[in-house]
Amino acid sequence: MPNPSHPSSDQIAQATATLTQLKDYLRTNPPVTDVLPLLARLLDEDTGVPILLGDVLRSAARLVSQQAAIPKTDEIRLIIDGLRDAAQEATDWHVLHWDIQRVGGQVFAPAGPPTTS
């Protein structure tokens, strides 16, 4: 496996800015048919955010565990456990890709003005 390049904090900021842009776009009440391709990519069962976030959190837990001073403190163990638990929860969200696929077969009313919530 090739050695992956080190992402910059600017690249991570761009990724979160893109998610913020999507969140803001969804709040404009666009047609569901326009949103489905975006959600399908976001929630892809193999490469979507839940899977990637779970992998990132598991890797972070592994790094903290490997590089923590020995013996590990209770606080470090809690942090590692928290990262691993969050990783499992994020990965569990991968099933949302099935919901997005089912939404594609439904009928929706035309989009109206954005709601205030």
PDB file of N, CA and C in Angstrom:
ATOM      1  N   MET A   1       0.839  -1.161   0.000  1.00  0.00           N
ATOM      2  CA  MET A   1       0.000   0.000   0.000  1.00  0.00           C
ATOM      3  C   MET A   1       0.892   1.235   0.000  1.00  0.00           C
ATOM      4  N   PRO A   2       0.611   2.190  -0.911  1.00  0.00           N
ATOM      5  CA  PRO A   2       1.442   3.397  -0.965  1.00  0.00           C
ATOM      6  C   PRO A   2       1.248   4.235   0.301  1.00  0.00           C
ATOM      7  N   ASN A   3       2.269   4.999   0.615  1.00  0.00           N
ATOM      8  CA  ASN A   3       2.226   5.854   1.786  1.00  0.00           C
ATOM      9  C   ASN A   3       1.355   7.075   1.475  1.00  0.00           C
ATOM     10  N   PRO A   4       0.216   7.230   2.178  1.00  0.00           N
ATOM     11  CA  PRO A   4      -0.672   8.365   1.865  1.00  0.00           C
ATOM     12  C   PRO A   4      -0.039   9.688   2.282  1.00  0.00           C
ATOM     13  N   SER A   5      -0.424  10.735   1.581  1.00  0.00           N
ATOM     14  CA  SER A   5       0.112  12.051   1.906  1.00  0.00           C
ATOM     15  C   SER A   5      -0.567  12.598   3.159  1.00  0.00           C
ATOM     16  N   HIS A   6       0.125  13.465   3.824  1.00  0.00           N
ATOM     17  CA  HIS A   6      -0.349  14.098   5.051  1.00  0.00           C
ATOM     18  C   HIS A   6      -1.321  15.220   4.669  1.00  0.00           C
ATOM     19  N   PRO A   7      -2.599  15.141   5.076  1.00  0.00           N
ATOM     20  CA  PRO A   7      -3.520  16.232   4.762  1.00  0.00           C
ATOM     21  C   PRO A   7      -3.177  17.457   5.604  1.00  0.00           C
ATOM     22  N   SER A   8      -3.392  18.602   5.039  1.00  0.00           N
ATOM     23  CA  SER A   8      -3.138  19.837   5.786  1.00  0.00           C
ATOM     24  C   SER A   8      -4.385  20.209   6.578  1.00  0.00           C
ATOM     25  N   SER A   9      -4.201  21.060   7.567  1.00  0.00           N
ATOM     26  CA  SER A   9      -5.375  21.520   8.321  1.00  0.00           C
ATOM     27  C   SER A   9      -6.291  22.333   7.411  1.00  0.00           C
ATOM     28  N   ASP A  10      -5.728  22.979   6.378  1.00  0.00           N
ATOM     29  CA  ASP A  10      -6.569  23.701   5.410  1.00  0.00           C
ATOM     30  C   ASP A  10      -7.455  22.735   4.621  1.00  0.00           C
ATOM     31  N   GLN A  11      -6.932  21.558   4.288  1.00  0.00           N
ATOM     32  CA  GLN A  11      -7.738  20.567   3.571  1.00  0.00           C
ATOM     33  C   GLN A  11      -8.870  20.041   4.456  1.00  0.00           C
ATOM     34  N   ILE A  12      -8.578  19.821   5.721  1.00  0.00           N
ATOM     35  CA  ILE A  12      -9.622  19.381   6.645  1.00  0.00           C
ATOM     36  C   ILE A  12     -10.664  20.491   6.796  1.00  0.00           C
ATOM     37  N   ALA A  13     -10.210  21.732   6.893  1.00  0.00           N
ATOM     38  CA  ALA A  13     -11.137  22.868   6.978  1.00  0.00           C
ATOM     39  C   ALA A  13     -12.015  22.942   5.732  1.00  0.00           C
ATOM     40  N   GLN A  14     -11.445  22.665   4.568  1.00  0.00           N
ATOM     41  CA  GLN A  14     -12.229  22.673   3.332  1.00  0.00           C
ATOM     42  C   GLN A  14     -13.292  21.577   3.346  1.00  0.00           C
ATOM     43  N   ALA A  15     -12.935  20.416   3.865  1.00  0.00           N
ATOM     44  CA  ALA A  15     -13.904  19.319   3.950  1.00  0.00           C
ATOM     45  C   ALA A  15     -15.064  19.699   4.867  1.00  0.00           C
ATOM     46  N   THR A  16     -14.763  20.285   6.014  1.00  0.00           N
ATOM     47  CA  THR A  16     -15.841  20.672   6.919  1.00  0.00           C
ATOM     48  C   THR A  16     -16.623  21.854   6.358  1.00  0.00           C
ATOM     49  N   ALA A  17     -15.951  22.737   5.610  1.00  0.00           N
ATOM     50  CA  ALA A  17     -16.662  23.852   4.971  1.00  0.00           C
ATOM     51  C   ALA A  17     -17.634  23.329   3.918  1.00  0.00           C
ATOM     52  N   THR A  18     -17.251  22.271   3.221  1.00  0.00           N
ATOM     53  CA  THR A  18     -18.143  21.677   2.223  1.00  0.00           C
ATOM     54  C   THR A  18     -19.370  21.073   2.901  1.00  0.00           C
ATOM     55  N   LEU A  19     -19.172  20.419   4.035  1.00  0.00           N
ATOM     56  CA  LEU A  19     -20.319  19.881   4.782  1.00  0.00           C
ATOM     57  C   LEU A  19     -21.216  21.017   5.278  1.00  0.00           C
ATOM     58  N   THR A  20     -20.622  22.108   5.701  1.00  0.00           N
ATOM     59  CA  THR A  20     -21.405  23.269   6.122  1.00  0.00           C
ATOM     60  C   THR A  20     -22.200  23.824   4.947  1.00  0.00           C
ATOM     61  N   GLN A  21     -21.587  23.870   3.777  1.00  0.00           N
ATOM     62  CA  GLN A  21     -22.274  24.339   2.568  1.00  0.00           C
ATOM     63  C   GLN A  21     -23.465  23.442   2.252  1.00  0.00           C
ATOM     64  N   LEU A  22     -23.287  22.135   2.367  1.00  0.00           N
ATOM     65  CA  LEU A  22     -24.394  21.201   2.138  1.00  0.00           C
ATOM     66  C   LEU A  22     -25.502  21.433   3.153  1.00  0.00           C
ATOM     67  N   LYS A  23     -25.141  21.574   4.417  1.00  0.00           N
ATOM     68  CA  LYS A  23     -26.138  21.833   5.470  1.00  0.00           C
ATOM     69  C   LYS A  23     -26.933  23.090   5.141  1.00  0.00           C
ATOM     70  N   ASP A  24     -26.236  24.161   4.763  1.00  0.00           N
ATOM     71  CA  ASP A  24     -26.908  25.416   4.433  1.00  0.00           C
ATOM     72  C   ASP A  24     -27.801  25.267   3.195  1.00  0.00           C
ATOM     73  N   TYR A  25     -27.323  24.520   2.203  1.00  0.00           N
ATOM     74  CA  TYR A  25     -28.118  24.270   0.996  1.00  0.00           C
ATOM     75  C   TYR A  25     -29.402  23.517   1.334  1.00  0.00           C
ATOM     76  N   LEU A  26     -29.304  22.504   2.185  1.00  0.00           N
ATOM     77  CA  LEU A  26     -30.496  21.734   2.559  1.00  0.00           C
ATOM     78  C   LEU A  26     -31.528  22.617   3.263  1.00  0.00           C
ATOM     79  N   ARG A  27     -31.072  23.625   3.970  1.00  0.00           N
ATOM     80  CA  ARG A  27     -31.986  24.534   4.662  1.00  0.00           C
ATOM     81  C   ARG A  27     -32.718  25.480   3.720  1.00  0.00           C
ATOM     82  N   THR A  28     -32.321  25.522   2.437  1.00  0.00           N
ATOM     83  CA  THR A  28     -33.033  26.356   1.462  1.00  0.00           C
ATOM     84  C   THR A  28     -34.250  25.642   0.887  1.00  0.00           C
ATOM     85  N   ASN A  29     -34.477  24.403   1.332  1.00  0.00           N
ATOM     86  CA  ASN A  29     -35.622  23.606   0.888  1.00  0.00           C
ATOM     87  C   ASN A  29     -35.568  23.268  -0.603  1.00  0.00           C
ATOM     88  N   PRO A  30     -34.436  22.729  -1.069  1.00  0.00           N
ATOM     89  CA  PRO A  30     -34.345  22.354  -2.488  1.00  0.00           C
ATOM     90  C   PRO A  30     -35.199  21.123  -2.772  1.00  0.00           C
ATOM     91  N   PRO A  31     -35.471  20.854  -4.038  1.00  0.00           N
ATOM     92  CA  PRO A  31     -36.209  19.637  -4.384  1.00  0.00           C
ATOM     93  C   PRO A  31     -35.432  18.387  -3.947  1.00  0.00           C
ATOM     94  N   VAL A  32     -36.158  17.423  -3.409  1.00  0.00           N
ATOM     95  CA  VAL A  32     -35.530  16.182  -2.945  1.00  0.00           C
ATOM     96  C   VAL A  32     -34.755  15.527  -4.085  1.00  0.00           C
ATOM     97  N   THR A  33     -35.265  15.599  -5.282  1.00  0.00           N
ATOM     98  CA  THR A  33     -34.576  14.968  -6.414  1.00  0.00           C
ATOM     99  C   THR A  33     -33.203  15.596  -6.659  1.00  0.00           C
ATOM    100  N   ASP A  34     -33.034  16.866  -6.316  1.00  0.00           N
ATOM    101  CA  ASP A  34     -31.724  17.513  -6.450  1.00  0.00           C
ATOM    102  C   ASP A  34     -30.780  17.099  -5.321  1.00  0.00           C
ATOM    103  N   VAL A  35     -31.350  16.777  -4.171  1.00  0.00           N
ATOM    104  CA  VAL A  35     -30.562  16.462  -2.983  1.00  0.00           C
ATOM    105  C   VAL A  35     -30.114  15.002  -2.959  1.00  0.00           C
ATOM    106  N   LEU A  36     -30.909  14.116  -3.523  1.00  0.00           N
ATOM    107  CA  LEU A  36     -30.607  12.683  -3.444  1.00  0.00           C
ATOM    108  C   LEU A  36     -29.207  12.311  -3.930  1.00  0.00           C
ATOM    109  N   PRO A  37     -28.728  12.836  -5.060  1.00  0.00           N
ATOM    110  CA  PRO A  37     -27.367  12.457  -5.472  1.00  0.00           C
ATOM    111  C   PRO A  37     -26.301  12.911  -4.465  1.00  0.00           C
ATOM    112  N   LEU A  38     -26.524  14.039  -3.837  1.00  0.00           N
ATOM    113  CA  LEU A  38     -25.574  14.536  -2.839  1.00  0.00           C
ATOM    114  C   LEU A  38     -25.575  13.640  -1.604  1.00  0.00           C
ATOM    115  N   LEU A  39     -26.766  13.286  -1.146  1.00  0.00           N
ATOM    116  CA  LEU A  39     -26.873  12.419   0.028  1.00  0.00           C
ATOM    117  C   LEU A  39     -26.351  11.019  -0.265  1.00  0.00           C
ATOM    118  N   ALA A  40     -26.590  10.540  -1.476  1.00  0.00           N
ATOM    119  CA  ALA A  40     -26.096   9.207  -1.841  1.00  0.00           C
ATOM    120  C   ALA A  40     -24.573   9.167  -1.760  1.00  0.00           C
ATOM    121  N   ARG A  41     -23.922  10.208  -2.218  1.00  0.00           N
ATOM    122  CA  ARG A  41     -22.452  10.259  -2.148  1.00  0.00           C
ATOM    123  C   ARG A  41     -21.983  10.408  -0.708  1.00  0.00           C
ATOM    124  N   LEU A  42     -22.664  11.261   0.050  1.00  0.00           N
ATOM    125  CA  LEU A  42     -22.307  11.518   1.441  1.00  0.00           C
ATOM    126  C   LEU A  42     -22.444  10.268   2.301  1.00  0.00           C
ATOM    127  N   LEU A  43     -23.464   9.460   2.013  1.00  0.00           N
ATOM    128  CA  LEU A  43     -23.774   8.300   2.851  1.00  0.00           C
ATOM    129  C   LEU A  43     -23.445   6.971   2.179  1.00  0.00           C
ATOM    130  N   ASP A  44     -22.607   6.993   1.155  1.00  0.00           N
ATOM    131  CA  ASP A  44     -22.234   5.768   0.456  1.00  0.00           C
ATOM    132  C   ASP A  44     -21.782   4.703   1.463  1.00  0.00           C
ATOM    133  N   GLU A  45     -22.230   3.481   1.246  1.00  0.00           N
ATOM    134  CA  GLU A  45     -21.958   2.415   2.213  1.00  0.00           C
ATOM    135  C   GLU A  45     -20.488   2.033   2.305  1.00  0.00           C
ATOM    136  N   ASP A  46     -19.700   2.375   1.298  1.00  0.00           N
ATOM    137  CA  ASP A  46     -18.279   2.019   1.311  1.00  0.00           C
ATOM    138  C   ASP A  46     -17.352   3.219   1.508  1.00  0.00           C
ATOM    139  N   THR A  47     -17.734   4.367   0.975  1.00  0.00           N
ATOM    140  CA  THR A  47     -16.830   5.519   0.985  1.00  0.00           C
ATOM    141  C   THR A  47     -17.455   6.768   1.588  1.00  0.00           C
ATOM    142  N   GLY A  48     -18.626   6.646   2.186  1.00  0.00           N
ATOM    143  CA  GLY A  48     -19.317   7.808   2.736  1.00  0.00           C
ATOM    144  C   GLY A  48     -18.747   8.266   4.069  1.00  0.00           C
ATOM    145  N   VAL A  49     -19.255   9.380   4.527  1.00  0.00           N
ATOM    146  CA  VAL A  49     -18.782   9.998   5.761  1.00  0.00           C
ATOM    147  C   VAL A  49     -18.861   9.062   6.970  1.00  0.00           C
ATOM    148  N   PRO A  50     -19.944   8.305   7.166  1.00  0.00           N
ATOM    149  CA  PRO A  50     -19.954   7.439   8.356  1.00  0.00           C
ATOM    150  C   PRO A  50     -18.788   6.453   8.395  1.00  0.00           C
ATOM    151  N   ILE A  51     -18.492   5.834   7.269  1.00  0.00           N
ATOM    152  CA  ILE A  51     -17.398   4.864   7.214  1.00  0.00           C
ATOM    153  C   ILE A  51     -16.063   5.564   7.410  1.00  0.00           C
ATOM    154  N   LEU A  52     -15.864   6.675   6.715  1.00  0.00           N
ATOM    155  CA  LEU A  52     -14.598   7.399   6.836  1.00  0.00           C
ATOM    156  C   LEU A  52     -14.395   7.943   8.243  1.00  0.00           C
ATOM    157  N   LEU A  53     -15.445   8.516   8.816  1.00  0.00           N
ATOM    158  CA  LEU A  53     -15.320   9.056  10.165  1.00  0.00           C
ATOM    159  C   LEU A  53     -15.015   7.948  11.163  1.00  0.00           C
ATOM    160  N   GLY A  54     -15.679   6.818  11.024  1.00  0.00           N
ATOM    161  CA  GLY A  54     -15.385   5.685  11.898  1.00  0.00           C
ATOM    162  C   GLY A  54     -13.939   5.245  11.777  1.00  0.00           C
ATOM    163  N   ASP A  55     -13.431   5.174  10.552  1.00  0.00           N
ATOM    164  CA  ASP A  55     -12.037   4.785  10.342  1.00  0.00           C
ATOM    165  C   ASP A  55     -11.071   5.805  10.946  1.00  0.00           C
ATOM    166  N   VAL A  56     -11.376   7.085  10.784  1.00  0.00           N
ATOM    167  CA  VAL A  56     -10.527   8.143  11.342  1.00  0.00           C
ATOM    168  C   VAL A  56     -10.491   8.037  12.869  1.00  0.00           C
ATOM    169  N   LEU A  57     -11.654   7.862  13.476  1.00  0.00           N
ATOM    170  CA  LEU A  57     -11.713   7.787  14.937  1.00  0.00           C
ATOM    171  C   LEU A  57     -11.005   6.551  15.479  1.00  0.00           C
ATOM    172  N   ARG A  58     -11.151   5.407  14.790  1.00  0.00           N
ATOM    173  CA  ARG A  58     -10.445   4.193  15.206  1.00  0.00           C
ATOM    174  C   ARG A  58      -8.933   4.377  15.098  1.00  0.00           C
ATOM    175  N   SER A  59      -8.500   5.016  14.019  1.00  0.00           N
ATOM    176  CA  SER A  59      -7.067   5.270  13.853  1.00  0.00           C
ATOM    177  C   SER A  59      -6.547   6.230  14.915  1.00  0.00           C
ATOM    178  N   ALA A  60      -7.338   7.240  15.246  1.00  0.00           N
ATOM    179  CA  ALA A  60      -6.935   8.172  16.298  1.00  0.00           C
ATOM    180  C   ALA A  60      -6.818   7.444  17.635  1.00  0.00           C
ATOM    181  N   ALA A  61      -7.750   6.560  17.928  1.00  0.00           N
ATOM    182  CA  ALA A  61      -7.688   5.785  19.177  1.00  0.00           C
ATOM    183  C   ALA A  61      -6.427   4.923  19.202  1.00  0.00           C
ATOM    184  N   ARG A  62      -6.111   4.314  18.082  1.00  0.00           N
ATOM    185  CA  ARG A  62      -4.912   3.472  17.998  1.00  0.00           C
ATOM    186  C   ARG A  62      -3.657   4.304  18.237  1.00  0.00           C
ATOM    187  N   LEU A  63      -3.575   5.481  17.622  1.00  0.00           N
ATOM    188  CA  LEU A  63      -2.401   6.339  17.808  1.00  0.00           C
ATOM    189  C   LEU A  63      -2.249   6.786  19.253  1.00  0.00           C
ATOM    190  N   VAL A  64      -3.355   7.208  19.864  1.00  0.00           N
ATOM    191  CA  VAL A  64      -3.300   7.631  21.261  1.00  0.00           C
ATOM    192  C   VAL A  64      -2.857   6.466  22.128  1.00  0.00           C
ATOM    193  N   SER A  65      -3.388   5.291  21.865  1.00  0.00           N
ATOM    194  CA  SER A  65      -3.037   4.111  22.650  1.00  0.00           C
ATOM    195  C   SER A  65      -1.557   3.755  22.496  1.00  0.00           C
ATOM    196  N   GLN A  66      -1.063   3.799  21.274  1.00  0.00           N
ATOM    197  CA  GLN A  66       0.329   3.423  21.021  1.00  0.00           C
ATOM    198  C   GLN A  66       1.320   4.434  21.576  1.00  0.00           C
ATOM    199  N   GLN A  67       0.944   5.710  21.552  1.00  0.00           N
ATOM    200  CA  GLN A  67       1.907   6.744  21.887  1.00  0.00           C
ATOM    201  C   GLN A  67       1.747   7.313  23.290  1.00  0.00           C
ATOM    202  N   ALA A  68       0.769   6.849  24.024  1.00  0.00           N
ATOM    203  CA  ALA A  68       0.572   7.317  25.398  1.00  0.00           C
ATOM    204  C   ALA A  68       1.680   6.747  26.290  1.00  0.00           C
ATOM    205  N   ALA A  69       2.002   7.512  27.297  1.00  0.00           N
ATOM    206  CA  ALA A  69       3.001   7.048  28.256  1.00  0.00           C
ATOM    207  C   ALA A  69       2.497   5.780  28.943  1.00  0.00           C
ATOM    208  N   ILE A  70       3.431   4.937  29.301  1.00  0.00           N
ATOM    209  CA  ILE A  70       3.093   3.688  29.996  1.00  0.00           C
ATOM    210  C   ILE A  70       3.464   3.874  31.457  1.00  0.00           C
ATOM    211  N   PRO A  71       2.660   3.553  32.396  1.00  0.00           N
ATOM    212  CA  PRO A  71       1.313   2.998  32.242  1.00  0.00           C
ATOM    213  C   PRO A  71       0.321   4.088  31.843  1.00  0.00           C
ATOM    214  N   LYS A  72      -0.700   3.677  31.098  1.00  0.00           N
ATOM    215  CA  LYS A  72      -1.733   4.623  30.657  1.00  0.00           C
ATOM    216  C   LYS A  72      -2.538   5.094  31.867  1.00  0.00           C
ATOM    217  N   THR A  73      -2.836   6.366  31.860  1.00  0.00           N
ATOM    218  CA  THR A  73      -3.665   6.916  32.939  1.00  0.00           C
ATOM    219  C   THR A  73      -5.125   6.565  32.679  1.00  0.00           C
ATOM    220  N   ASP A  74      -5.946   6.705  33.707  1.00  0.00           N
ATOM    221  CA  ASP A  74      -7.385   6.481  33.543  1.00  0.00           C
ATOM    222  C   ASP A  74      -7.958   7.444  32.507  1.00  0.00           C
ATOM    223  N   GLU A  75      -7.457   8.677  32.502  1.00  0.00           N
ATOM    224  CA  GLU A  75      -7.956   9.669  31.540  1.00  0.00           C
ATOM    225  C   GLU A  75      -7.651   9.241  30.105  1.00  0.00           C
ATOM    226  N   ILE A  76      -6.455   8.752  29.860  1.00  0.00           N
ATOM    227  CA  ILE A  76      -6.101   8.281  28.514  1.00  0.00           C
ATOM    228  C   ILE A  76      -6.975   7.094  28.130  1.00  0.00           C
ATOM    229  N   ARG A  77      -7.210   6.175  29.051  1.00  0.00           N
ATOM    230  CA  ARG A  77      -8.077   5.024  28.740  1.00  0.00           C
ATOM    231  C   ARG A  77      -9.494   5.488  28.400  1.00  0.00           C
ATOM    232  N   LEU A  78     -10.002   6.497  29.123  1.00  0.00           N
ATOM    233  CA  LEU A  78     -11.337   7.033  28.824  1.00  0.00           C
ATOM    234  C   LEU A  78     -11.380   7.674  27.442  1.00  0.00           C
ATOM    235  N   ILE A  79     -10.322   8.384  27.096  1.00  0.00           N
ATOM    236  CA  ILE A  79     -10.254   9.020  25.775  1.00  0.00           C
ATOM    237  C   ILE A  79     -10.245   7.956  24.683  1.00  0.00           C
ATOM    238  N   ILE A  80      -9.430   6.935  24.844  1.00  0.00           N
ATOM    239  CA  ILE A  80      -9.350   5.855  23.851  1.00  0.00           C
ATOM    240  C   ILE A  80     -10.704   5.158  23.722  1.00  0.00           C
ATOM    241  N   ASP A  81     -11.323   4.852  24.846  1.00  0.00           N
ATOM    242  CA  ASP A  81     -12.642   4.215  24.813  1.00  0.00           C
ATOM    243  C   ASP A  81     -13.671   5.119  24.136  1.00  0.00           C
ATOM    244  N   GLY A  82     -13.606   6.416  24.432  1.00  0.00           N
ATOM    245  CA  GLY A  82     -14.541   7.359  23.801  1.00  0.00           C
ATOM    246  C   GLY A  82     -14.373   7.406  22.296  1.00  0.00           C
ATOM    247  N   LEU A  83     -13.134   7.431  21.839  1.00  0.00           N
ATOM    248  CA  LEU A  83     -12.877   7.432  20.395  1.00  0.00           C
ATOM    249  C   LEU A  83     -13.376   6.139  19.748  1.00  0.00           C
ATOM    250  N   ARG A  84     -13.136   5.022  20.388  1.00  0.00           N
ATOM    251  CA  ARG A  84     -13.584   3.735  19.833  1.00  0.00           C
ATOM    252  C   ARG A  84     -15.106   3.627  19.821  1.00  0.00           C
ATOM    253  N   ASP A  85     -15.753   4.096  20.883  1.00  0.00           N
ATOM    254  CA  ASP A  85     -17.222   4.069  20.919  1.00  0.00           C
ATOM    255  C   ASP A  85     -17.808   4.970  19.831  1.00  0.00           C
ATOM    256  N   ALA A  86     -17.248   6.163  19.697  1.00  0.00           N
ATOM    257  CA  ALA A  86     -17.729   7.094  18.662  1.00  0.00           C
ATOM    258  C   ALA A  86     -17.496   6.516  17.272  1.00  0.00           C
ATOM    259  N   ALA A  87     -16.371   5.825  17.088  1.00  0.00           N
ATOM    260  CA  ALA A  87     -16.082   5.202  15.795  1.00  0.00           C
ATOM    261  C   ALA A  87     -17.145   4.169  15.446  1.00  0.00           C
ATOM    262  N   GLN A  88     -17.530   3.366  16.425  1.00  0.00           N
ATOM    263  CA  GLN A  88     -18.548   2.345  16.173  1.00  0.00           C
ATOM    264  C   GLN A  88     -19.894   2.992  15.855  1.00  0.00           C
ATOM    265  N   GLU A  89     -20.254   4.024  16.598  1.00  0.00           N
ATOM    266  CA  GLU A  89     -21.518   4.714  16.334  1.00  0.00           C
ATOM    267  C   GLU A  89     -21.528   5.326  14.937  1.00  0.00           C
ATOM    268  N   ALA A  90     -20.452   5.990  14.565  1.00  0.00           N
ATOM    269  CA  ALA A  90     -20.386   6.600  13.234  1.00  0.00           C
ATOM    270  C   ALA A  90     -20.501   5.537  12.153  1.00  0.00           C
ATOM    271  N   THR A  91     -19.777   4.443  12.311  1.00  0.00           N
ATOM    272  CA  THR A  91     -19.821   3.369  11.319  1.00  0.00           C
ATOM    273  C   THR A  91     -21.215   2.763  11.227  1.00  0.00           C
ATOM    274  N   ASP A  92     -21.910   2.685  12.350  1.00  0.00           N
ATOM    275  CA  ASP A  92     -23.274   2.144  12.338  1.00  0.00           C
ATOM    276  C   ASP A  92     -24.206   2.974  11.461  1.00  0.00           C
ATOM    277  N   TRP A  93     -23.896   4.241  11.279  1.00  0.00           N
ATOM    278  CA  TRP A  93     -24.749   5.103  10.442  1.00  0.00           C
ATOM    279  C   TRP A  93     -24.668   4.747   8.964  1.00  0.00           C
ATOM    280  N   HIS A  94     -23.754   3.861   8.581  1.00  0.00           N
ATOM    281  CA  HIS A  94     -23.630   3.521   7.163  1.00  0.00           C
ATOM    282  C   HIS A  94     -24.929   2.957   6.599  1.00  0.00           C
ATOM    283  N   VAL A  95     -25.801   2.427   7.451  1.00  0.00           N
ATOM    284  CA  VAL A  95     -27.059   1.868   6.970  1.00  0.00           C
ATOM    285  C   VAL A  95     -27.983   2.942   6.390  1.00  0.00           C
ATOM    286  N   LEU A  96     -27.685   4.198   6.635  1.00  0.00           N
ATOM    287  CA  LEU A  96     -28.504   5.273   6.059  1.00  0.00           C
ATOM    288  C   LEU A  96     -28.481   5.254   4.534  1.00  0.00           C
ATOM    289  N   HIS A  97     -27.462   4.653   3.937  1.00  0.00           N
ATOM    290  CA  HIS A  97     -27.436   4.604   2.470  1.00  0.00           C
ATOM    291  C   HIS A  97     -28.660   3.871   1.925  1.00  0.00           C
ATOM    292  N   TRP A  98     -29.176   2.903   2.675  1.00  0.00           N
ATOM    293  CA  TRP A  98     -30.387   2.192   2.225  1.00  0.00           C
ATOM    294  C   TRP A  98     -31.599   3.115   2.264  1.00  0.00           C
ATOM    295  N   ASP A  99     -31.692   3.968   3.276  1.00  0.00           N
ATOM    296  CA  ASP A  99     -32.800   4.919   3.357  1.00  0.00           C
ATOM    297  C   ASP A  99     -32.782   5.872   2.172  1.00  0.00           C
ATOM    298  N   ILE A 100     -31.608   6.348   1.808  1.00  0.00           N
ATOM    299  CA  ILE A 100     -31.495   7.273   0.680  1.00  0.00           C
ATOM    300  C   ILE A 100     -31.915   6.574  -0.605  1.00  0.00           C
ATOM    301  N   GLN A 101     -31.548   5.322  -0.768  1.00  0.00           N
ATOM    302  CA  GLN A 101     -31.969   4.583  -1.956  1.00  0.00           C
ATOM    303  C   GLN A 101     -33.491   4.433  -1.991  1.00  0.00           C
ATOM    304  N   ARG A 102     -34.114   4.177  -0.838  1.00  0.00           N
ATOM    305  CA  ARG A 102     -35.574   4.022  -0.791  1.00  0.00           C
ATOM    306  C   ARG A 102     -36.284   5.343  -1.050  1.00  0.00           C
ATOM    307  N   VAL A 103     -35.691   6.446  -0.634  1.00  0.00           N
ATOM    308  CA  VAL A 103     -36.303   7.761  -0.867  1.00  0.00           C
ATOM    309  C   VAL A 103     -36.455   8.003  -2.367  1.00  0.00           C
ATOM    310  N   GLY A 104     -35.505   7.506  -3.148  1.00  0.00           N
ATOM    311  CA  GLY A 104     -35.550   7.708  -4.594  1.00  0.00           C
ATOM    312  C   GLY A 104     -36.805   7.157  -5.246  1.00  0.00           C
ATOM    313  N   GLY A 105     -37.447   6.187  -4.647  1.00  0.00           N
ATOM    314  CA  GLY A 105     -38.653   5.600  -5.220  1.00  0.00           C
ATOM    315  C   GLY A 105     -39.941   6.258  -4.762  1.00  0.00           C
ATOM    316  N   GLN A 106     -39.855   7.310  -3.972  1.00  0.00           N
ATOM    317  CA  GLN A 106     -41.035   7.978  -3.431  1.00  0.00           C
ATOM    318  C   GLN A 106     -41.415   9.207  -4.269  1.00  0.00           C
ATOM    319  N   VAL A 107     -42.638   9.667  -4.092  1.00  0.00           N
ATOM    320  CA  VAL A 107     -43.135  10.855  -4.784  1.00  0.00           C
ATOM    321  C   VAL A 107     -43.149  12.008  -3.788  1.00  0.00           C
ATOM    322  N   PHE A 108     -42.704  13.174  -4.230  1.00  0.00           N
ATOM    323  CA  PHE A 108     -42.631  14.343  -3.361  1.00  0.00           C
ATOM    324  C   PHE A 108     -43.351  15.522  -3.989  1.00  0.00           C
ATOM    325  N   ALA A 109     -43.914  16.361  -3.129  1.00  0.00           N
ATOM    326  CA  ALA A 109     -44.525  17.606  -3.590  1.00  0.00           C
ATOM    327  C   ALA A 109     -43.411  18.558  -4.023  1.00  0.00           C
ATOM    328  N   PRO A 110     -43.744  19.518  -4.875  1.00  0.00           N
ATOM    329  CA  PRO A 110     -42.716  20.493  -5.274  1.00  0.00           C
ATOM    330  C   PRO A 110     -42.179  21.219  -4.049  1.00  0.00           C
ATOM    331  N   ALA A 111     -40.923  21.605  -4.134  1.00  0.00           N
ATOM    332  CA  ALA A 111     -40.277  22.313  -3.026  1.00  0.00           C
ATOM    333  C   ALA A 111     -40.917  23.679  -2.849  1.00  0.00           C
ATOM    334  N   GLY A 112     -41.092  24.055  -1.598  1.00  0.00           N
ATOM    335  CA  GLY A 112     -41.618  25.376  -1.272  1.00  0.00           C
ATOM    336  C   GLY A 112     -40.545  26.230  -0.647  1.00  0.00           C
ATOM    337  N   PRO A 113     -40.946  27.353  -0.061  1.00  0.00           N
ATOM    338  CA  PRO A 113     -39.954  28.209   0.574  1.00  0.00           C
ATOM    339  C   PRO A 113     -39.361  27.509   1.803  1.00  0.00           C
ATOM    340  N   PRO A 114     -38.151  27.912   2.201  1.00  0.00           N
ATOM    341  CA  PRO A 114     -37.541  27.277   3.369  1.00  0.00           C
ATOM    342  C   PRO A 114     -38.364  27.489   4.622  1.00  0.00           C
ATOM    343  N   THR A 115     -38.311  26.485   5.492  1.00  0.00           N
ATOM    344  CA  THR A 115     -39.001  26.609   6.775  1.00  0.00           C
ATOM    345  C   THR A 115     -38.065  27.268   7.767  1.00  0.00           C
ATOM    346  N   THR A 116     -38.611  27.782   8.836  1.00  0.00           N
ATOM    347  CA  THR A 116     -37.789  28.459   9.839  1.00  0.00           C
ATOM    348  C   THR A 116     -37.567  27.532  11.019  1.00  0.00           C
ATOM    349  N   SER A 117     -36.657  26.566  10.852  1.00  0.00           N
ATOM    350  CA  SER A 117     -36.314  25.676  11.977  1.00  0.00           C
ATOM    351  C   SER A 117     -34.891  25.264  11.889  1.00  0.00           C
TER     352      SER A 117
END
